[in-house]
Every structure is written in C-alpha cells, then in structure tokens.
Amino acid sequence: MKKRKSIEEEVSKFQELNDKAISLEKKLDELISMLEESDLDSNTVSRLQDKLNQAFDSNRLTDTELEEFKRLDNQNVSRLEMADDLEVLLTRYKLDSNNTRSYAGTEKWAYISQFIIAVILVALGFAMIIMPAPPYFEMFTVFYFTPDDGVTLMDLISLLIIFTGVYLLFTSITKLNRR
C-alpha cells in the first residue's frame, strides 16, 4: 500500500513536470512571436539575450546535484528500487552528455594528479633513505645494527612517506581502471 502511494506520488510529480514543460514551450512560442513583431534596437536585443543566457546557465547541473546520482551506488536496495530512484533523479535534473563528460574529465585529471603526486612521494622517500642524513637526525637512532649504523628517525620518516606514496599510487590506479 505504501509503495503504491509512492508510485502514485512520483507519477503525479512527473505529470506536473510534463505540464510545466508544455506551458514553458507555449510561453517560449509567445516570446518568439512577440520578438518577431517588435522593433528592438541592438542594445535591447543584447541585454535580453544576456538575460536569457543567465537563465539557462542557472539551470545547469552542479556538482552537488551530481552527488545525488553518486549516492545511488552506495544504497543497499534492490535493482528495481534503484531504477525508480534513478528515474526520479533523471526527471528532476537535466543531465546531458556535456555535463557528464566535463565531470568525468575533472575526475580523471584528479586521479592522474594523484598518481603523479604518489610517484613523487615514493621517489622523495627513496631519495631521503639513500642520501646521507644531517647530523641532528643521525643522533636519533631507533635501532642499531652495529655500534656505528642503524635505523634512524630519518629512515622511519622516509618509510612513512614511501608507504603513503604507494597507497596513493594503488588507489589512483584502481580508480582510473574503474573508469
């Protein structure tokens, strides 16, 4: 019974959206006919065009609205309920290939930059281990192999940097492969 009410509510919302789209088209046709009949100068036309462009720009899909689509992946519901939720989101927001392409591009560049940072961190960590440490780090030896040599604080910090770089490297590779 509850599911039936939910479906009926969604159908009524969809019908309202459809009615709004039809009335919007009628208003647009009226605007076009009014503009054809009027004698407007170029400044007025430019001002009206800017105003119309601003109205269209305000209807673009934002990152927060895309987050609602991402939340569909994290739900533990049946495929039918997920399809219903997706249908509601698609009727609510205007999603086109330009929006998805730009969003996918920014995510790809974020993963690529994460990969580059990870490689730099790994290289920096190995360089810190190979290069001689300053004397004030040498006096903090954590574990001695011989009386003159051992694992220093600098080596531990370098290992921490290397492990962080390796973690970022693996996460960026897995995220890039998922795309």
Protein backbone atom coordinates (compact mmCIF):
# COMPACT_ATOMS: atom_id res chain seq x y z
CA MET A 1 0.00 0.00 0.00
CA LYS A 2 2.82 2.36 0.92
CA LYS A 3 4.70 1.55 -2.28
CA ARG A 4 1.56 2.21 -4.33
CA LYS A 5 1.21 5.68 -2.79
CA SER A 6 4.85 6.36 -3.51
CA ILE A 7 4.43 5.35 -7.14
CA GLU A 8 1.30 7.46 -7.46
CA GLU A 9 3.14 10.45 -5.97
CA GLU A 10 6.02 10.01 -8.42
CA VAL A 11 3.60 9.74 -11.35
CA SER A 12 1.85 12.94 -10.25
CA LYS A 13 5.23 14.71 -9.91
CA PHE A 14 6.18 13.51 -13.38
CA GLN A 15 2.87 14.76 -14.77
CA GLU A 16 3.45 18.16 -13.14
CA LEU A 17 6.92 18.34 -14.73
CA ASN A 18 5.42 17.42 -18.10
CA ASP A 19 2.73 20.10 -17.74
CA LYS A 20 5.37 22.67 -16.80
CA ALA A 21 7.42 21.76 -19.88
CA ILE A 22 4.39 22.16 -22.14
CA SER A 23 3.47 25.53 -20.62
CA LEU A 24 7.12 26.61 -20.89
CA GLU A 25 7.09 25.78 -24.61
CA LYS A 26 3.90 27.80 -25.08
CA LYS A 27 5.47 30.78 -23.29
CA LEU A 28 8.59 30.47 -25.44
CA ASP A 29 6.48 30.44 -28.60
CA GLU A 30 4.69 33.58 -27.37
CA LEU A 31 8.03 35.26 -26.67
CA ILE A 32 9.31 34.41 -30.15
CA SER A 33 6.19 35.80 -31.80
CA MET A 34 6.41 38.98 -29.69
CA LEU A 35 10.08 39.45 -30.62
CA GLU A 36 9.28 38.97 -34.32
CA GLU A 37 6.58 41.65 -34.16
CA SER A 38 8.60 44.23 -32.22
CA ASP A 39 11.20 46.72 -33.43
CA LEU A 40 14.09 46.36 -30.99
CA ASP A 41 17.46 48.07 -31.18
CA SER A 42 20.70 46.09 -30.88
CA ASN A 43 21.34 47.12 -27.25
CA THR A 44 17.97 45.83 -26.12
CA VAL A 45 18.43 42.59 -28.05
CA SER A 46 21.86 42.12 -26.49
CA ARG A 47 20.50 42.79 -23.00
CA LEU A 48 17.61 40.35 -23.50
CA GLN A 49 19.97 37.71 -24.87
CA ASP A 50 22.28 38.07 -21.85
CA LYS A 51 19.33 37.74 -19.51
CA LEU A 52 18.13 34.61 -21.31
CA ASN A 53 21.63 33.10 -21.25
CA GLN A 54 21.86 33.73 -17.50
CA ALA A 55 18.55 31.94 -17.00
CA PHE A 56 19.82 28.93 -18.97
CA ASP A 57 23.12 28.92 -17.07
CA SER A 58 21.29 28.83 -13.76
CA ASN A 59 19.60 25.58 -14.83
CA ARG A 60 22.88 23.74 -15.42
CA LEU A 61 23.66 20.70 -13.35
CA THR A 62 26.00 21.37 -10.42
CA ASP A 63 28.41 19.07 -8.60
CA THR A 64 26.07 18.80 -5.61
CA GLU A 65 23.31 17.58 -7.88
CA LEU A 66 25.68 15.01 -9.37
CA GLU A 67 26.36 13.79 -5.84
CA GLU A 68 22.74 12.61 -5.66
CA PHE A 69 23.43 10.33 -8.61
CA LYS A 70 26.56 9.03 -6.85
CA ARG A 71 24.52 8.18 -3.76
CA LEU A 72 22.61 5.63 -5.82
CA ASP A 73 25.74 3.47 -5.91
CA ASN A 74 26.03 3.42 -2.12
CA GLN A 75 22.49 2.26 -1.38
CA ASN A 76 21.80 -1.34 -0.39
CA VAL A 77 18.46 -1.67 -2.16
CA SER A 78 17.08 -3.84 -4.90
CA ARG A 79 17.70 -3.02 -8.54
CA LEU A 80 14.05 -2.10 -9.05
CA GLU A 81 14.12 0.49 -6.27
CA MET A 82 17.44 1.81 -7.58
CA ALA A 83 15.93 2.15 -11.07
CA ASP A 84 12.97 4.03 -9.58
CA ASP A 85 15.33 6.39 -7.75
CA LEU A 86 17.34 6.92 -10.92
CA GLU A 87 14.16 7.70 -12.85
CA VAL A 88 13.18 10.31 -10.27
CA LEU A 89 16.63 11.91 -10.41
CA LEU A 90 16.63 11.98 -14.20
CA THR A 91 13.25 13.72 -14.28
CA ARG A 92 14.32 16.20 -11.61
CA TYR A 93 17.68 17.21 -13.12
CA LYS A 94 18.73 17.90 -16.67
CA LEU A 95 21.59 15.50 -17.29
CA ASP A 96 23.23 15.58 -20.70
CA SER A 97 26.45 14.29 -22.23
CA ASN A 98 28.26 17.63 -21.82
CA ASN A 99 27.70 17.60 -18.05
CA THR A 100 28.81 14.02 -17.66
CA ARG A 101 31.81 14.47 -19.97
CA SER A 102 33.09 17.51 -18.05
CA TYR A 103 32.52 15.78 -14.70
CA ALA A 104 34.31 12.63 -15.88
CA GLY A 105 37.16 14.72 -17.23
CA THR A 106 37.71 16.55 -13.95
CA GLU A 107 37.64 13.27 -12.03
CA LYS A 108 40.14 11.72 -14.44
CA TRP A 109 42.52 14.66 -14.04
CA ALA A 110 42.18 14.40 -10.26
CA TYR A 111 43.23 10.73 -10.39
CA ILE A 112 46.09 11.49 -12.76
CA SER A 113 47.36 14.27 -10.48
CA GLN A 114 47.05 11.89 -7.51
CA PHE A 115 49.14 9.35 -9.46
CA ILE A 116 51.83 11.98 -10.17
CA ILE A 117 51.93 13.07 -6.53
CA ALA A 118 52.23 9.43 -5.47
CA VAL A 119 55.22 8.83 -7.76
CA ILE A 120 56.89 12.00 -6.46
CA LEU A 121 56.34 10.88 -2.85
CA VAL A 122 57.85 7.45 -3.50
CA ALA A 123 60.86 8.99 -5.24
CA LEU A 124 61.30 11.50 -2.42
CA GLY A 125 61.15 8.76 0.21
CA PHE A 126 63.80 6.66 -1.53
CA ALA A 127 65.98 9.74 -2.03
CA MET A 128 65.76 10.51 1.68
CA ILE A 129 66.90 6.97 2.53
CA ILE A 130 69.76 6.91 0.00
CA MET A 131 71.11 10.41 0.66
CA PRO A 132 73.14 10.99 3.83
CA ALA A 133 71.11 12.43 6.67
CA PRO A 134 72.04 15.60 8.52
CA PRO A 135 73.91 15.05 11.81
CA TYR A 136 70.98 16.08 14.02
CA PHE A 137 68.88 13.23 12.52
CA GLU A 138 71.76 10.76 12.87
CA MET A 139 71.80 11.12 16.64
CA PHE A 140 68.22 9.80 16.84
CA THR A 141 68.94 6.17 16.01
CA VAL A 142 65.97 3.95 16.81
CA PHE A 143 67.57 0.54 16.20
CA TYR A 144 71.30 -0.23 15.98
CA PHE A 145 72.68 -2.88 13.57
CA THR A 146 76.24 -2.16 14.63
CA PRO A 147 77.60 0.42 17.04
CA ASP A 148 78.04 2.81 14.10
CA ASP A 149 74.98 2.04 11.95
CA GLY A 150 71.24 1.53 12.39
CA VAL A 151 67.72 2.71 11.59
CA THR A 152 67.43 6.43 12.20
CA LEU A 153 64.48 8.73 12.61
CA MET A 154 65.08 9.98 9.07
CA ASP A 155 64.72 6.40 7.75
CA LEU A 156 61.39 5.98 9.55
CA ILE A 157 60.07 9.25 8.18
CA SER A 158 61.23 8.20 4.70
CA LEU A 159 59.43 4.86 5.02
CA LEU A 160 56.27 6.65 6.09
CA ILE A 161 56.49 8.89 3.00
CA ILE A 162 57.10 5.85 0.75
CA PHE A 163 54.12 3.93 2.19
CA THR A 164 51.90 6.98 1.75
CA GLY A 165 53.05 7.29 -1.86
CA VAL A 166 52.43 3.60 -2.54
CA TYR A 167 48.95 3.82 -1.02
CA LEU A 168 48.10 6.86 -3.18
CA LEU A 169 49.58 5.10 -6.20
CA PHE A 170 47.41 1.99 -5.78
CA THR A 171 44.23 3.94 -5.07
CA SER A 172 44.72 6.19 -8.09
CA ILE A 173 45.42 3.20 -10.36
CA THR A 174 42.35 1.31 -9.16
CA LYS A 175 40.14 4.39 -9.57
CA LEU A 176 41.50 5.03 -13.07
CA ASN A 177 40.90 1.39 -14.02
CA ARG A 178 37.32 1.56 -12.75
CA ARG A 179 36.63 4.40 -15.16
